[in-house]
Amino acid sequence: MPPSVIFDETYYVPDALGILKFGSEHNYSSHRNGLLARGDPHIFTRGGEFVAHPPFGKILIAAGE
């Protein structure tokens, strides 16, 4: 397991995980990087997220997850 979460992983991986869990991007904790680095998927808070990029790339990441 990598020791930290870097660059795009800090945004795209949680968004993809939100798509898997909720069907769309979802709000997540500001502590998500540490949680993900430990393998803890419990990163979400209430509500949907403001989405700046189209979802298709994140859907492909979700398929890999």
Protein backbone atom coordinates (compact mmCIF):
# COMPACT_ATOMS: atom_id res chain seq x y z
CA MET A 1 0.00 0.00 0.00
CA PRO A 2 1.38 3.46 -0.85
CA PRO A 3 2.33 5.66 2.13
CA SER A 4 0.27 8.67 1.01
CA VAL A 5 -2.33 9.96 -1.43
CA ILE A 6 -0.99 12.36 -4.07
CA PHE A 7 -2.10 14.81 -6.78
CA ASP A 8 -5.26 13.67 -8.61
CA GLU A 9 -5.89 10.84 -6.15
CA THR A 10 -7.01 13.41 -3.59
CA TYR A 11 -10.00 14.35 -5.78
CA TYR A 12 -10.73 11.68 -8.38
CA VAL A 13 -10.49 8.57 -6.20
CA PRO A 14 -12.97 9.88 -3.57
CA ASP A 15 -15.30 11.06 -6.36
CA ALA A 16 -15.16 7.63 -8.01
CA LEU A 17 -15.80 5.95 -4.66
CA GLY A 18 -18.80 8.26 -4.16
CA ILE A 19 -20.14 7.23 -7.58
CA LEU A 20 -19.85 3.58 -6.56
CA LYS A 21 -21.53 4.11 -3.20
CA PHE A 22 -24.16 6.80 -3.95
CA GLY A 23 -24.51 6.90 -7.75
CA SER A 24 -22.96 10.38 -7.98
CA GLU A 25 -20.14 12.43 -6.49
CA HIS A 26 -20.63 13.02 -2.77
CA ASN A 27 -19.19 15.31 -0.09
CA TYR A 28 -16.23 13.88 1.79
CA SER A 29 -14.20 14.62 4.90
CA SER A 30 -11.23 16.97 4.81
CA HIS A 31 -9.30 14.07 6.38
CA ARG A 32 -10.00 11.78 3.41
CA ASN A 33 -6.35 11.42 2.32
CA GLY A 34 -5.21 9.89 5.61
CA LEU A 35 -8.25 7.63 5.72
CA LEU A 36 -7.72 6.42 2.15
CA ALA A 37 -3.99 5.87 2.72
CA ARG A 38 -4.94 3.55 5.62
CA GLY A 39 -7.50 1.76 3.44
CA ASP A 40 -10.49 3.19 5.32
CA PRO A 41 -13.34 3.92 2.86
CA HIS A 42 -15.47 5.82 5.45
CA ILE A 43 -14.64 9.26 4.05
CA PHE A 44 -18.08 10.68 3.29
CA THR A 45 -20.13 13.42 4.94
CA ARG A 46 -23.70 14.47 4.12
CA GLY A 47 -24.79 15.82 0.76
CA GLY A 48 -23.72 16.00 -2.84
CA GLU A 49 -20.50 17.58 -4.01
CA PHE A 50 -19.90 20.51 -6.37
CA VAL A 51 -18.61 18.79 -9.52
CA ALA A 52 -16.04 20.64 -11.64
CA HIS A 53 -15.31 17.86 -14.17
CA PRO A 54 -17.50 15.52 -16.22
CA PRO A 55 -18.07 12.15 -14.52
CA PHE A 56 -16.96 9.70 -17.25
CA GLY A 57 -13.30 9.54 -16.18
CA LYS A 58 -14.37 9.05 -12.57
CA ILE A 59 -16.76 6.31 -13.66
CA LEU A 60 -13.81 4.53 -15.30
CA ILE A 61 -11.82 4.89 -12.06
CA ALA A 62 -14.85 3.54 -10.17
CA ALA A 63 -14.87 0.50 -12.47
CA GLY A 64 -11.25 -0.12 -11.49
CA GLU A 65 -12.08 0.23 -7.79
